[in-house]
Each structure stands twice: as C-alpha cells, then as structure tokens.
C-alpha cells in the first residue's frame, strides 16, 4: 500500500511544485510559460546594477555546451566579490551548464569567463582550482565512501605541492567544523546525509578558493540538514567573503539565501533581479515557487 501511495503521489506531482495540488504545473507547461516570460535580452547595464562593489565573476557572450550541442547562447553574467547568485529555471535550461562552463567542463564556442579580472575561459579545471581560486561542489554522493573523513579532506588538496600541505589544510577544516573532527577516522560512507554534504563543502575549502560553484546544495537532504547547509554557506559568504554561484531546484530557498537571482530559460537569462524581488515576482512565484 505504501508503494501504491507513493506512486500515486508521484503521478500527481510531477513538475515544479511547492503548494497545494491546485498549484502543480507540468514540466512542459513550465517550459512553455517560462519562454513566454522572456522579453528583450537583458542588458549588461541591468546585470551590472545588481552587483555590489567590485565585479568578481563575469561571463560575456558565452556560447557553450557539450560536443556539438550548444546549451548556452550569448549568455552574460555578473556577480560581485562576496555576493551570492542563485540560478533557477526549468529542467534543461542550462543552469548546471553555467557552473560547468565556469569550471571547465564544457566546450566553449564563443565568449569569455573572467574571475577577479583574469580571463580563465581556456584554463583547465585543475588550473582554475589551483591558480584562479574556483572550487566546484558537486551534487550529493561525491564523497569517497570507503575512505575516512580525513582521507576525503586530504583528497581535496590533491593539487598541493606536498601531502603535508594537504594534511595541514585538512586540520584547519577540522578546527572549523567539530562535527567532522569527531568523525575524522570514520568511513565517509557511514555519515548522515547532512554530514556528507558538510564533508563535500569542506573538501572544496581545502584549497582556500575565492569562488564556490555549488550544485544543488539541498538535494536529498532532510529539512534540518538543509538549514545546516545553508547556514554554512551563509557563514562562508558573509564571514569568509566567498563569492557563491549556486544552482538550486528549491527555488524559494535558493532565492531566500541569494543576493541575486537569475531565471534561465533555454540557455539564456530571462529574468534577473535581487533575490527578494524575484520572490515577489508573480510569474516566478507561479512557475517556480508553488503558487
């Protein structure tokens, strides 16, 4: 019976939802209505106006994708040092492709990616991590389950010159997060979902990056762990000065967290605004916030 109830629930709640049954919209309808929201292309001046202080990460005229499939089309992006940006939109809109393109996981056909005034477009992922201060926090299940927590953290410093440096960096993480320090000799595979996510974030911090690319931080987590993860990200932004660009399927939570939000549709930015303003946008609410 439980399986039947779950199957029934799933069959009636496919798409983007967060309210009652009457607010559910199918994925196809979200895509169609989102495309109707698109107005003229956002200008660089409009994107620049959302930046506080110095622009730290910028994307200009980016065409990017995988193989011969172009996903992003003449895409522009701006975010300031120590700011946070949340990318939302329908499935397949190109949200994760933006993170992949910044970190070097896509084919770049045109355009550029600049971080702290340096063109990093053609750098390898290793070069971006070691020399440009960009770290990518993958979706859930990226820890090495058979390795200990300490070994996982040391792996985060694989680009350091010596293992001693990586171990020293891991100790700094343990000093910051006692929850991990208490489990340093435990296999990562026995950690709770929230602890694994903390380990994934912490492993990305070993190289002391300036920019964190965060892919679905809340995916697969219980609400209490979601609160914990966003609390950690808030601390990294506001107390450590990290610049954060995230993709978050839980659009409401992502926009509540972020200074700036972009709505992606078919590989272009359809809407951009302050996170709080987008939460009040009726079109964004209807399509992505459940009502």
C-alpha atoms as a PDB file:
ATOM      1  CA  UNK A   1       0.000   0.000   0.000  1.00  0.00           C
ATOM      2  CA  UNK A   2       2.830   2.359   0.848  1.00  0.00           C
ATOM      3  CA  UNK A   3       4.344   1.859  -2.599  1.00  0.00           C
ATOM      4  CA  UNK A   4       0.959   2.464  -4.225  1.00  0.00           C
ATOM      5  CA  UNK A   5       0.506   5.688  -2.271  1.00  0.00           C
ATOM      6  CA  UNK A   6       3.987   6.882  -3.271  1.00  0.00           C
ATOM      7  CA  UNK A   7       3.344   6.033  -6.916  1.00  0.00           C
ATOM      8  CA  UNK A   8       0.033   7.872  -6.816  1.00  0.00           C
ATOM      9  CA  UNK A   9       1.646  10.887  -5.163  1.00  0.00           C
ATOM     10  CA  UNK A  10       4.400  10.982  -7.789  1.00  0.00           C
ATOM     11  CA  UNK A  11       1.942  10.687 -10.661  1.00  0.00           C
ATOM     12  CA  UNK A  12       0.094  13.770  -9.414  1.00  0.00           C
ATOM     13  CA  UNK A  13       3.094  15.927  -8.552  1.00  0.00           C
ATOM     14  CA  UNK A  14       5.460  15.852 -11.462  1.00  0.00           C
ATOM     15  CA  UNK A  15       6.864  19.251 -12.327  1.00  0.00           C
ATOM     16  CA  UNK A  16       7.622  22.308 -10.211  1.00  0.00           C
ATOM     17  CA  UNK A  17       5.533  22.493  -7.091  1.00  0.00           C
ATOM     18  CA  UNK A  18       5.569  23.632  -3.523  1.00  0.00           C
ATOM     19  CA  UNK A  19       1.971  24.454  -2.725  1.00  0.00           C
ATOM     20  CA  UNK A  20      -1.282  22.523  -2.891  1.00  0.00           C
ATOM     21  CA  UNK A  21      -2.457  20.279  -5.700  1.00  0.00           C
ATOM     22  CA  UNK A  22      -4.030  23.219  -7.484  1.00  0.00           C
ATOM     23  CA  UNK A  23      -0.618  24.886  -7.844  1.00  0.00           C
ATOM     24  CA  UNK A  24       1.082  21.973  -9.629  1.00  0.00           C
ATOM     25  CA  UNK A  25       2.290  22.774 -13.144  1.00  0.00           C
ATOM     26  CA  UNK A  26       3.668  20.178 -15.517  1.00  0.00           C
ATOM     27  CA  UNK A  27       7.247  20.421 -16.675  1.00  0.00           C
ATOM     28  CA  UNK A  28       6.098  21.094 -20.246  1.00  0.00           C
ATOM     29  CA  UNK A  29       3.823  23.908 -19.088  1.00  0.00           C
ATOM     30  CA  UNK A  30       6.626  25.446 -17.036  1.00  0.00           C
ATOM     31  CA  UNK A  31       8.876  25.444 -20.087  1.00  0.00           C
ATOM     32  CA  UNK A  32       6.214  26.955 -22.332  1.00  0.00           C
ATOM     33  CA  UNK A  33       5.155  29.630 -19.864  1.00  0.00           C
ATOM     34  CA  UNK A  34       8.742  30.445 -18.948  1.00  0.00           C
ATOM     35  CA  UNK A  35       9.535  31.051 -22.617  1.00  0.00           C
ATOM     36  CA  UNK A  36       6.551  33.413 -22.771  1.00  0.00           C
ATOM     37  CA  UNK A  37       8.077  35.383 -19.864  1.00  0.00           C
ATOM     38  CA  UNK A  38      11.152  36.206 -21.898  1.00  0.00           C
ATOM     39  CA  UNK A  39      11.324  39.796 -23.010  1.00  0.00           C
ATOM     40  CA  UNK A  40      14.131  41.521 -24.826  1.00  0.00           C
ATOM     41  CA  UNK A  41      17.623  40.410 -23.853  1.00  0.00           C
ATOM     42  CA  UNK A  42      18.814  41.805 -20.552  1.00  0.00           C
ATOM     43  CA  UNK A  43      21.431  44.497 -20.994  1.00  0.00           C
ATOM     44  CA  UNK A  44      24.829  44.460 -19.346  1.00  0.00           C
ATOM     45  CA  UNK A  45      23.814  47.643 -17.544  1.00  0.00           C
ATOM     46  CA  UNK A  46      20.889  45.817 -15.952  1.00  0.00           C
ATOM     47  CA  UNK A  47      23.137  42.982 -14.811  1.00  0.00           C
ATOM     48  CA  UNK A  48      25.827  45.397 -13.591  1.00  0.00           C
ATOM     49  CA  UNK A  49      23.230  47.204 -11.478  1.00  0.00           C
ATOM     50  CA  UNK A  50      22.759  44.057  -9.387  1.00  0.00           C
ATOM     51  CA  UNK A  51      26.459  43.903  -8.473  1.00  0.00           C
ATOM     52  CA  UNK A  52      27.532  45.314  -5.137  1.00  0.00           C
ATOM     53  CA  UNK A  53      31.073  46.605  -5.093  1.00  0.00           C
ATOM     54  CA  UNK A  54      33.630  45.136  -7.445  1.00  0.00           C
ATOM     55  CA  UNK A  55      32.535  42.691 -10.154  1.00  0.00           C
ATOM     56  CA  UNK A  56      34.359  39.470  -9.342  1.00  0.00           C
ATOM     57  CA  UNK A  57      32.921  36.913 -11.781  1.00  0.00           C
ATOM     58  CA  UNK A  58      31.755  37.918 -15.235  1.00  0.00           C
ATOM     59  CA  UNK A  59      30.637  35.962 -18.280  1.00  0.00           C
ATOM     60  CA  UNK A  60      30.409  37.730 -21.616  1.00  0.00           C
ATOM     61  CA  UNK A  61      28.646  36.466 -24.730  1.00  0.00           C
ATOM     62  CA  UNK A  62      29.122  32.817 -23.809  1.00  0.00           C
ATOM     63  CA  UNK A  63      28.116  30.068 -26.214  1.00  0.00           C
ATOM     64  CA  UNK A  64      28.826  26.715 -24.565  1.00  0.00           C
ATOM     65  CA  UNK A  65      27.665  23.117 -24.468  1.00  0.00           C
ATOM     66  CA  UNK A  66      28.708  19.520 -24.843  1.00  0.00           C
ATOM     67  CA  UNK A  67      30.118  18.065 -28.023  1.00  0.00           C
ATOM     68  CA  UNK A  68      28.316  19.830 -30.840  1.00  0.00           C
ATOM     69  CA  UNK A  69      25.232  20.615 -28.707  1.00  0.00           C
ATOM     70  CA  UNK A  70      25.116  24.280 -27.745  1.00  0.00           C
ATOM     71  CA  UNK A  71      23.236  24.824 -24.461  1.00  0.00           C
ATOM     72  CA  UNK A  72      24.111  28.419 -23.541  1.00  0.00           C
ATOM     73  CA  UNK A  73      23.516  31.162 -26.081  1.00  0.00           C
ATOM     74  CA  UNK A  74      25.262  34.541 -25.861  1.00  0.00           C
ATOM     75  CA  UNK A  75      24.972  34.368 -22.081  1.00  0.00           C
ATOM     76  CA  UNK A  76      26.097  37.185 -19.804  1.00  0.00           C
ATOM     77  CA  UNK A  77      26.555  37.044 -16.030  1.00  0.00           C
ATOM     78  CA  UNK A  78      27.796  39.413 -13.338  1.00  0.00           C
ATOM     79  CA  UNK A  79      28.330  38.908  -9.610  1.00  0.00           C
ATOM     80  CA  UNK A  80      30.328  40.905  -7.115  1.00  0.00           C
ATOM     81  CA  UNK A  81      33.026  39.872  -4.670  1.00  0.00           C
ATOM     82  CA  UNK A  82      31.413  38.272  -1.615  1.00  0.00           C
ATOM     83  CA  UNK A  83      27.968  38.163  -3.232  1.00  0.00           C
ATOM     84  CA  UNK A  84      25.782  35.127  -3.902  1.00  0.00           C
ATOM     85  CA  UNK A  85      23.890  34.289  -7.082  1.00  0.00           C
ATOM     86  CA  UNK A  86      21.198  31.620  -7.411  1.00  0.00           C
ATOM     87  CA  UNK A  87      20.299  30.157 -10.813  1.00  0.00           C
ATOM     88  CA  UNK A  88      16.783  28.787 -11.203  1.00  0.00           C
ATOM     89  CA  UNK A  89      14.706  27.692 -14.163  1.00  0.00           C
ATOM     90  CA  UNK A  90      13.103  24.688 -15.879  1.00  0.00           C
ATOM     91  CA  UNK A  91      14.925  21.409 -16.309  1.00  0.00           C
ATOM     92  CA  UNK A  92      17.338  21.658 -19.225  1.00  0.00           C
ATOM     93  CA  UNK A  93      17.519  25.461 -19.091  1.00  0.00           C
ATOM     94  CA  UNK A  94      21.307  25.438 -18.749  1.00  0.00           C
ATOM     95  CA  UNK A  95      21.740  26.152 -15.034  1.00  0.00           C
ATOM     96  CA  UNK A  96      24.347  23.492 -14.285  1.00  0.00           C
ATOM     97  CA  UNK A  97      25.950  24.153 -17.667  1.00  0.00           C
ATOM     98  CA  UNK A  98      26.848  27.628 -16.414  1.00  0.00           C
ATOM     99  CA  UNK A  99      28.690  26.104 -13.446  1.00  0.00           C
ATOM    100  CA  UNK A 100      30.320  23.546 -15.756  1.00  0.00           C
ATOM    101  CA  UNK A 101      31.430  26.286 -18.142  1.00  0.00           C
ATOM    102  CA  UNK A 102      32.974  28.396 -15.395  1.00  0.00           C
ATOM    103  CA  UNK A 103      34.895  25.362 -14.121  1.00  0.00           C
ATOM    104  CA  UNK A 104      35.934  23.975 -17.494  1.00  0.00           C
ATOM    105  CA  UNK A 105      33.609  21.018 -18.005  1.00  0.00           C
ATOM    106  CA  UNK A 106      32.061  22.196 -21.302  1.00  0.00           C
ATOM    107  CA  UNK A 107      33.058  23.142 -24.809  1.00  0.00           C
ATOM    108  CA  UNK A 108      33.293  26.930 -25.158  1.00  0.00           C
ATOM    109  CA  UNK A 109      32.348  28.017 -28.662  1.00  0.00           C
ATOM    110  CA  UNK A 110      32.424  31.775 -28.066  1.00  0.00           C
ATOM    111  CA  UNK A 111      32.639  34.311 -25.281  1.00  0.00           C
ATOM    112  CA  UNK A 112      34.698  34.556 -22.113  1.00  0.00           C
ATOM    113  CA  UNK A 113      34.730  33.872 -18.373  1.00  0.00           C
ATOM    114  CA  UNK A 114      36.614  36.315 -16.146  1.00  0.00           C
ATOM    115  CA  UNK A 115      37.374  35.932 -12.436  1.00  0.00           C
ATOM    116  CA  UNK A 116      38.932  38.757 -10.453  1.00  0.00           C
ATOM    117  CA  UNK A 117      39.993  40.466 -13.667  1.00  0.00           C
ATOM    118  CA  UNK A 118      41.661  37.355 -15.101  1.00  0.00           C
ATOM    119  CA  UNK A 119      40.428  35.595 -18.228  1.00  0.00           C
ATOM    120  CA  UNK A 120      40.006  31.954 -17.166  1.00  0.00           C
ATOM    121  CA  UNK A 121      37.982  30.782 -20.153  1.00  0.00           C
ATOM    122  CA  UNK A 122      40.535  28.320 -21.502  1.00  0.00           C
ATOM    123  CA  UNK A 123      42.124  27.208 -18.246  1.00  0.00           C
ATOM    124  CA  UNK A 124      41.739  23.568 -17.264  1.00  0.00           C
ATOM    125  CA  UNK A 125      39.674  22.644 -14.209  1.00  0.00           C
ATOM    126  CA  UNK A 126      42.867  21.941 -12.263  1.00  0.00           C
ATOM    127  CA  UNK A 127      44.263  25.342 -13.195  1.00  0.00           C
ATOM    128  CA  UNK A 128      41.028  27.022 -12.174  1.00  0.00           C
ATOM    129  CA  UNK A 129      41.114  25.346  -8.779  1.00  0.00           C
ATOM    130  CA  UNK A 130      44.812  25.858  -8.083  1.00  0.00           C
ATOM    131  CA  UNK A 131      45.524  29.195  -9.760  1.00  0.00           C
ATOM    132  CA  UNK A 132      42.193  31.018 -10.119  1.00  0.00           C
ATOM    133  CA  UNK A 133      40.577  30.166  -6.778  1.00  0.00           C
ATOM    134  CA  UNK A 134      37.479  28.456  -8.179  1.00  0.00           C
ATOM    135  CA  UNK A 135      36.055  25.348  -6.495  1.00  0.00           C
ATOM    136  CA  UNK A 136      33.168  23.180  -7.641  1.00  0.00           C
ATOM    137  CA  UNK A 137      30.946  21.494  -5.048  1.00  0.00           C
ATOM    138  CA  UNK A 138      29.246  18.647  -6.863  1.00  0.00           C
ATOM    139  CA  UNK A 139      25.769  17.323  -6.225  1.00  0.00           C
ATOM    140  CA  UNK A 140      25.243  14.755  -3.487  1.00  0.00           C
ATOM    141  CA  UNK A 141      27.144  11.433  -3.391  1.00  0.00           C
ATOM    142  CA  UNK A 142      30.523  12.783  -4.432  1.00  0.00           C
ATOM    143  CA  UNK A 143      32.404  11.637  -1.320  1.00  0.00           C
ATOM    144  CA  UNK A 144      34.602   8.537  -1.397  1.00  0.00           C
ATOM    145  CA  UNK A 145      32.557   6.221   0.866  1.00  0.00           C
ATOM    146  CA  UNK A 146      35.338   3.732   1.597  1.00  0.00           C
ATOM    147  CA  UNK A 147      37.783   6.419   2.663  1.00  0.00           C
ATOM    148  CA  UNK A 148      37.782   8.111   6.054  1.00  0.00           C
ATOM    149  CA  UNK A 149      36.614  11.657   6.573  1.00  0.00           C
ATOM    150  CA  UNK A 150      40.232  12.746   6.973  1.00  0.00           C
ATOM    151  CA  UNK A 151      41.290  10.983   3.783  1.00  0.00           C
ATOM    152  CA  UNK A 152      38.436  12.646   1.897  1.00  0.00           C
ATOM    153  CA  UNK A 153      39.561  16.051   3.095  1.00  0.00           C
ATOM    154  CA  UNK A 154      43.177  15.372   2.161  1.00  0.00           C
ATOM    155  CA  UNK A 155      41.950  14.437  -1.324  1.00  0.00           C
ATOM    156  CA  UNK A 156      40.632  17.996  -1.564  1.00  0.00           C
ATOM    157  CA  UNK A 157      44.254  19.151  -1.541  1.00  0.00           C
ATOM    158  CA  UNK A 158      45.426  16.837  -4.297  1.00  0.00           C
ATOM    159  CA  UNK A 159      46.830  19.785  -6.251  1.00  0.00           C
ATOM    160  CA  UNK A 160      49.009  20.979  -3.392  1.00  0.00           C
ATOM    161  CA  UNK A 161      52.739  20.515  -3.721  1.00  0.00           C
ATOM    162  CA  UNK A 162      53.043  18.077  -0.817  1.00  0.00           C
ATOM    163  CA  UNK A 163      50.775  15.817   1.176  1.00  0.00           C
ATOM    164  CA  UNK A 164      51.932  17.613   4.322  1.00  0.00           C
ATOM    165  CA  UNK A 165      50.332  20.798   2.979  1.00  0.00           C
ATOM    166  CA  UNK A 166      47.094  18.947   2.302  1.00  0.00           C
ATOM    167  CA  UNK A 167      47.103  17.476   5.814  1.00  0.00           C
ATOM    168  CA  UNK A 168      47.697  20.897   7.344  1.00  0.00           C
ATOM    169  CA  UNK A 169      44.801  22.313   5.330  1.00  0.00           C
ATOM    170  CA  UNK A 170      42.590  19.431   6.493  1.00  0.00           C
ATOM    171  CA  UNK A 171      43.446  20.268  10.107  1.00  0.00           C
ATOM    172  CA  UNK A 172      42.193  23.805   9.534  1.00  0.00           C
ATOM    173  CA  UNK A 173      38.882  22.339   8.385  1.00  0.00           C
ATOM    174  CA  UNK A 174      38.677  20.117  11.466  1.00  0.00           C
ATOM    175  CA  UNK A 175      39.328  23.155  13.650  1.00  0.00           C
ATOM    176  CA  UNK A 176      36.408  24.919  11.967  1.00  0.00           C
ATOM    177  CA  UNK A 177      33.897  22.042  11.982  1.00  0.00           C
ATOM    178  CA  UNK A 178      33.964  19.915  15.128  1.00  0.00           C
ATOM    179  CA  UNK A 179      31.264  17.694  13.652  1.00  0.00           C
ATOM    180  CA  UNK A 180      33.804  16.459  11.115  1.00  0.00           C
ATOM    181  CA  UNK A 181      36.678  16.382  13.604  1.00  0.00           C
ATOM    182  CA  UNK A 182      34.684  13.992  15.798  1.00  0.00           C
ATOM    183  CA  UNK A 183      34.361  11.653  12.816  1.00  0.00           C
ATOM    184  CA  UNK A 184      37.763  12.056  11.216  1.00  0.00           C
ATOM    185  CA  UNK A 185      38.505   8.305  11.363  1.00  0.00           C
ATOM    186  CA  UNK A 186      35.019   7.190  10.332  1.00  0.00           C
ATOM    187  CA  UNK A 187      34.385   5.922   6.815  1.00  0.00           C
ATOM    188  CA  UNK A 188      32.588   8.620   4.855  1.00  0.00           C
ATOM    189  CA  UNK A 189      30.005   6.065   3.767  1.00  0.00           C
ATOM    190  CA  UNK A 190      28.524   5.858   7.285  1.00  0.00           C
ATOM    191  CA  UNK A 191      27.925   9.603   7.638  1.00  0.00           C
ATOM    192  CA  UNK A 192      24.425  11.044   7.631  1.00  0.00           C
ATOM    193  CA  UNK A 193      23.247  12.938   4.574  1.00  0.00           C
ATOM    194  CA  UNK A 194      23.928  16.273   6.243  1.00  0.00           C
ATOM    195  CA  UNK A 195      27.389  15.211   7.359  1.00  0.00           C
ATOM    196  CA  UNK A 196      28.257  14.022   3.857  1.00  0.00           C
ATOM    197  CA  UNK A 197      27.178  17.375   2.454  1.00  0.00           C
ATOM    198  CA  UNK A 198      29.296  19.158   5.044  1.00  0.00           C
ATOM    199  CA  UNK A 199      32.238  16.981   4.023  1.00  0.00           C
ATOM    200  CA  UNK A 200      31.688  17.788   0.340  1.00  0.00           C
ATOM    201  CA  UNK A 201      31.648  21.512   1.072  1.00  0.00           C
ATOM    202  CA  UNK A 202      34.651  21.246   3.386  1.00  0.00           C
ATOM    203  CA  UNK A 203      36.681  19.278   0.860  1.00  0.00           C
ATOM    204  CA  UNK A 204      36.191  22.133  -1.603  1.00  0.00           C
ATOM    205  CA  UNK A 205      37.523  24.576   1.001  1.00  0.00           C
ATOM    206  CA  UNK A 206      40.868  22.831   1.397  1.00  0.00           C
ATOM    207  CA  UNK A 207      42.372  24.811  -1.493  1.00  0.00           C
ATOM    208  CA  UNK A 208      41.007  28.047   0.032  1.00  0.00           C
ATOM    209  CA  UNK A 209      39.046  29.165  -3.047  1.00  0.00           C
ATOM    210  CA  UNK A 210      37.510  32.591  -3.535  1.00  0.00           C
ATOM    211  CA  UNK A 211      34.613  31.341  -5.682  1.00  0.00           C
ATOM    212  CA  UNK A 212      32.340  28.436  -4.779  1.00  0.00           C
ATOM    213  CA  UNK A 213      30.237  26.827  -7.517  1.00  0.00           C
ATOM    214  CA  UNK A 214      27.537  24.933  -5.644  1.00  0.00           C
ATOM    215  CA  UNK A 215      25.334  22.433  -7.475  1.00  0.00           C
ATOM    216  CA  UNK A 216      22.044  21.625  -5.703  1.00  0.00           C
ATOM    217  CA  UNK A 217      23.139  22.066  -2.071  1.00  0.00           C
ATOM    218  CA  UNK A 218      19.793  20.862  -0.670  1.00  0.00           C
ATOM    219  CA  UNK A 219      19.340  17.807  -2.886  1.00  0.00           C
ATOM    220  CA  UNK A 220      18.364  14.671  -0.978  1.00  0.00           C
ATOM    221  CA  UNK A 221      18.553  16.300   2.457  1.00  0.00           C
ATOM    222  CA  UNK A 222      16.096  16.398   5.333  1.00  0.00           C
ATOM    223  CA  UNK A 223      14.873  19.910   6.250  1.00  0.00           C
ATOM    224  CA  UNK A 224      17.103  20.127   9.353  1.00  0.00           C
ATOM    225  CA  UNK A 225      20.171  19.374   7.259  1.00  0.00           C
ATOM    226  CA  UNK A 226      19.087  21.845   4.592  1.00  0.00           C
ATOM    227  CA  UNK A 227      19.066  24.532   7.295  1.00  0.00           C
ATOM    228  CA  UNK A 228      22.542  23.441   8.375  1.00  0.00           C
ATOM    229  CA  UNK A 229      23.958  23.549   4.832  1.00  0.00           C
ATOM    230  CA  UNK A 230      22.563  26.984   4.064  1.00  0.00           C
ATOM    231  CA  UNK A 231      23.861  28.190   7.413  1.00  0.00           C
ATOM    232  CA  UNK A 232      27.347  27.015   6.422  1.00  0.00           C
ATOM    233  CA  UNK A 233      27.093  28.730   3.035  1.00  0.00           C
ATOM    234  CA  UNK A 234      25.866  31.918   4.707  1.00  0.00           C
ATOM    235  CA  UNK A 235      28.884  31.857   7.015  1.00  0.00           C
ATOM    236  CA  UNK A 236      31.260  31.281   4.103  1.00  0.00           C
ATOM    237  CA  UNK A 237      29.802  34.214   2.223  1.00  0.00           C
ATOM    238  CA  UNK A 238      29.400  36.771   4.974  1.00  0.00           C
ATOM    239  CA  UNK A 239      32.256  35.853   7.302  1.00  0.00           C
ATOM    240  CA  UNK A 240      34.780  34.381   4.871  1.00  0.00           C
ATOM    241  CA  UNK A 241      34.000  36.631   1.896  1.00  0.00           C
ATOM    242  CA  UNK A 242      33.379  33.795  -0.558  1.00  0.00           C
ATOM    243  CA  UNK A 243      31.607  34.529  -3.818  1.00  0.00           C
ATOM    244  CA  UNK A 244      28.922  31.874  -4.330  1.00  0.00           C
ATOM    245  CA  UNK A 245      27.166  30.848  -7.533  1.00  0.00           C
ATOM    246  CA  UNK A 246      24.640  28.098  -6.984  1.00  0.00           C
ATOM    247  CA  UNK A 247      22.055  26.052  -8.793  1.00  0.00           C
ATOM    248  CA  UNK A 248      19.128  25.193  -6.535  1.00  0.00           C
ATOM    249  CA  UNK A 249      15.996  23.283  -7.532  1.00  0.00           C
ATOM    250  CA  UNK A 250      14.312  24.508  -4.341  1.00  0.00           C
ATOM    251  CA  UNK A 251      13.891  27.936  -5.885  1.00  0.00           C
ATOM    252  CA  UNK A 252      12.279  29.524  -2.841  1.00  0.00           C
ATOM    253  CA  UNK A 253      15.098  28.521  -0.526  1.00  0.00           C
ATOM    254  CA  UNK A 254      17.750  29.490  -3.051  1.00  0.00           C
ATOM    255  CA  UNK A 255      16.291  32.955  -3.624  1.00  0.00           C
ATOM    256  CA  UNK A 256      15.827  33.497   0.106  1.00  0.00           C
ATOM    257  CA  UNK A 257      19.548  32.861   0.501  1.00  0.00           C
ATOM    258  CA  UNK A 258      20.981  34.642  -2.524  1.00  0.00           C
ATOM    259  CA  UNK A 259      21.650  38.331  -3.082  1.00  0.00           C
ATOM    260  CA  UNK A 260      20.889  37.952  -6.794  1.00  0.00           C
ATOM    261  CA  UNK A 261      18.765  35.522  -8.785  1.00  0.00           C
ATOM    262  CA  UNK A 262      18.749  34.640 -12.482  1.00  0.00           C
ATOM    263  CA  UNK A 263      15.917  32.773 -14.170  1.00  0.00           C
ATOM    264  CA  UNK A 264      17.342  30.670 -17.016  1.00  0.00           C
ATOM    265  CA  UNK A 265      15.188  29.624 -19.961  1.00  0.00           C
ATOM    266  CA  UNK A 266      16.536  27.726 -22.963  1.00  0.00           C
ATOM    267  CA  UNK A 267      20.130  28.751 -22.340  1.00  0.00           C
ATOM    268  CA  UNK A 268      19.586  32.474 -21.831  1.00  0.00           C
ATOM    269  CA  UNK A 269      18.856  34.706 -18.839  1.00  0.00           C
ATOM    270  CA  UNK A 270      15.145  35.537 -18.985  1.00  0.00           C
ATOM    271  CA  UNK A 271      14.872  37.483 -15.723  1.00  0.00           C
ATOM    272  CA  UNK A 272      17.455  38.836 -13.283  1.00  0.00           C
ATOM    273  CA  UNK A 273      16.915  40.636 -10.017  1.00  0.00           C
ATOM    274  CA  UNK A 274      17.570  40.798  -6.324  1.00  0.00           C
ATOM    275  CA  UNK A 275      16.676  37.511  -4.658  1.00  0.00           C
ATOM    276  CA  UNK A 276      13.962  39.102  -2.540  1.00  0.00           C
ATOM    277  CA  UNK A 277      12.467  40.893  -5.555  1.00  0.00           C
ATOM    278  CA  UNK A 278      12.241  37.641  -7.515  1.00  0.00           C
ATOM    279  CA  UNK A 279      10.448  36.021  -4.578  1.00  0.00           C
ATOM    280  CA  UNK A 280       7.761  38.668  -5.009  1.00  0.00           C
ATOM    281  CA  UNK A 281       7.597  38.341  -8.802  1.00  0.00           C
ATOM    282  CA  UNK A 282       4.209  36.761  -9.608  1.00  0.00           C
ATOM    283  CA  UNK A 283       5.473  34.924 -12.696  1.00  0.00           C
ATOM    284  CA  UNK A 284       8.420  33.455 -10.808  1.00  0.00           C
ATOM    285  CA  UNK A 285       6.113  32.517  -7.942  1.00  0.00           C
ATOM    286  CA  UNK A 286       3.581  30.845 -10.192  1.00  0.00           C
ATOM    287  CA  UNK A 287       6.132  28.793 -12.128  1.00  0.00           C
ATOM    288  CA  UNK A 288       8.850  28.029  -9.596  1.00  0.00           C
ATOM    289  CA  UNK A 289       7.651  28.733  -6.064  1.00  0.00           C
ATOM    290  CA  UNK A 290       4.424  26.735  -5.976  1.00  0.00           C
ATOM    291  CA  UNK A 291       1.861  29.467  -6.189  1.00  0.00           C
END
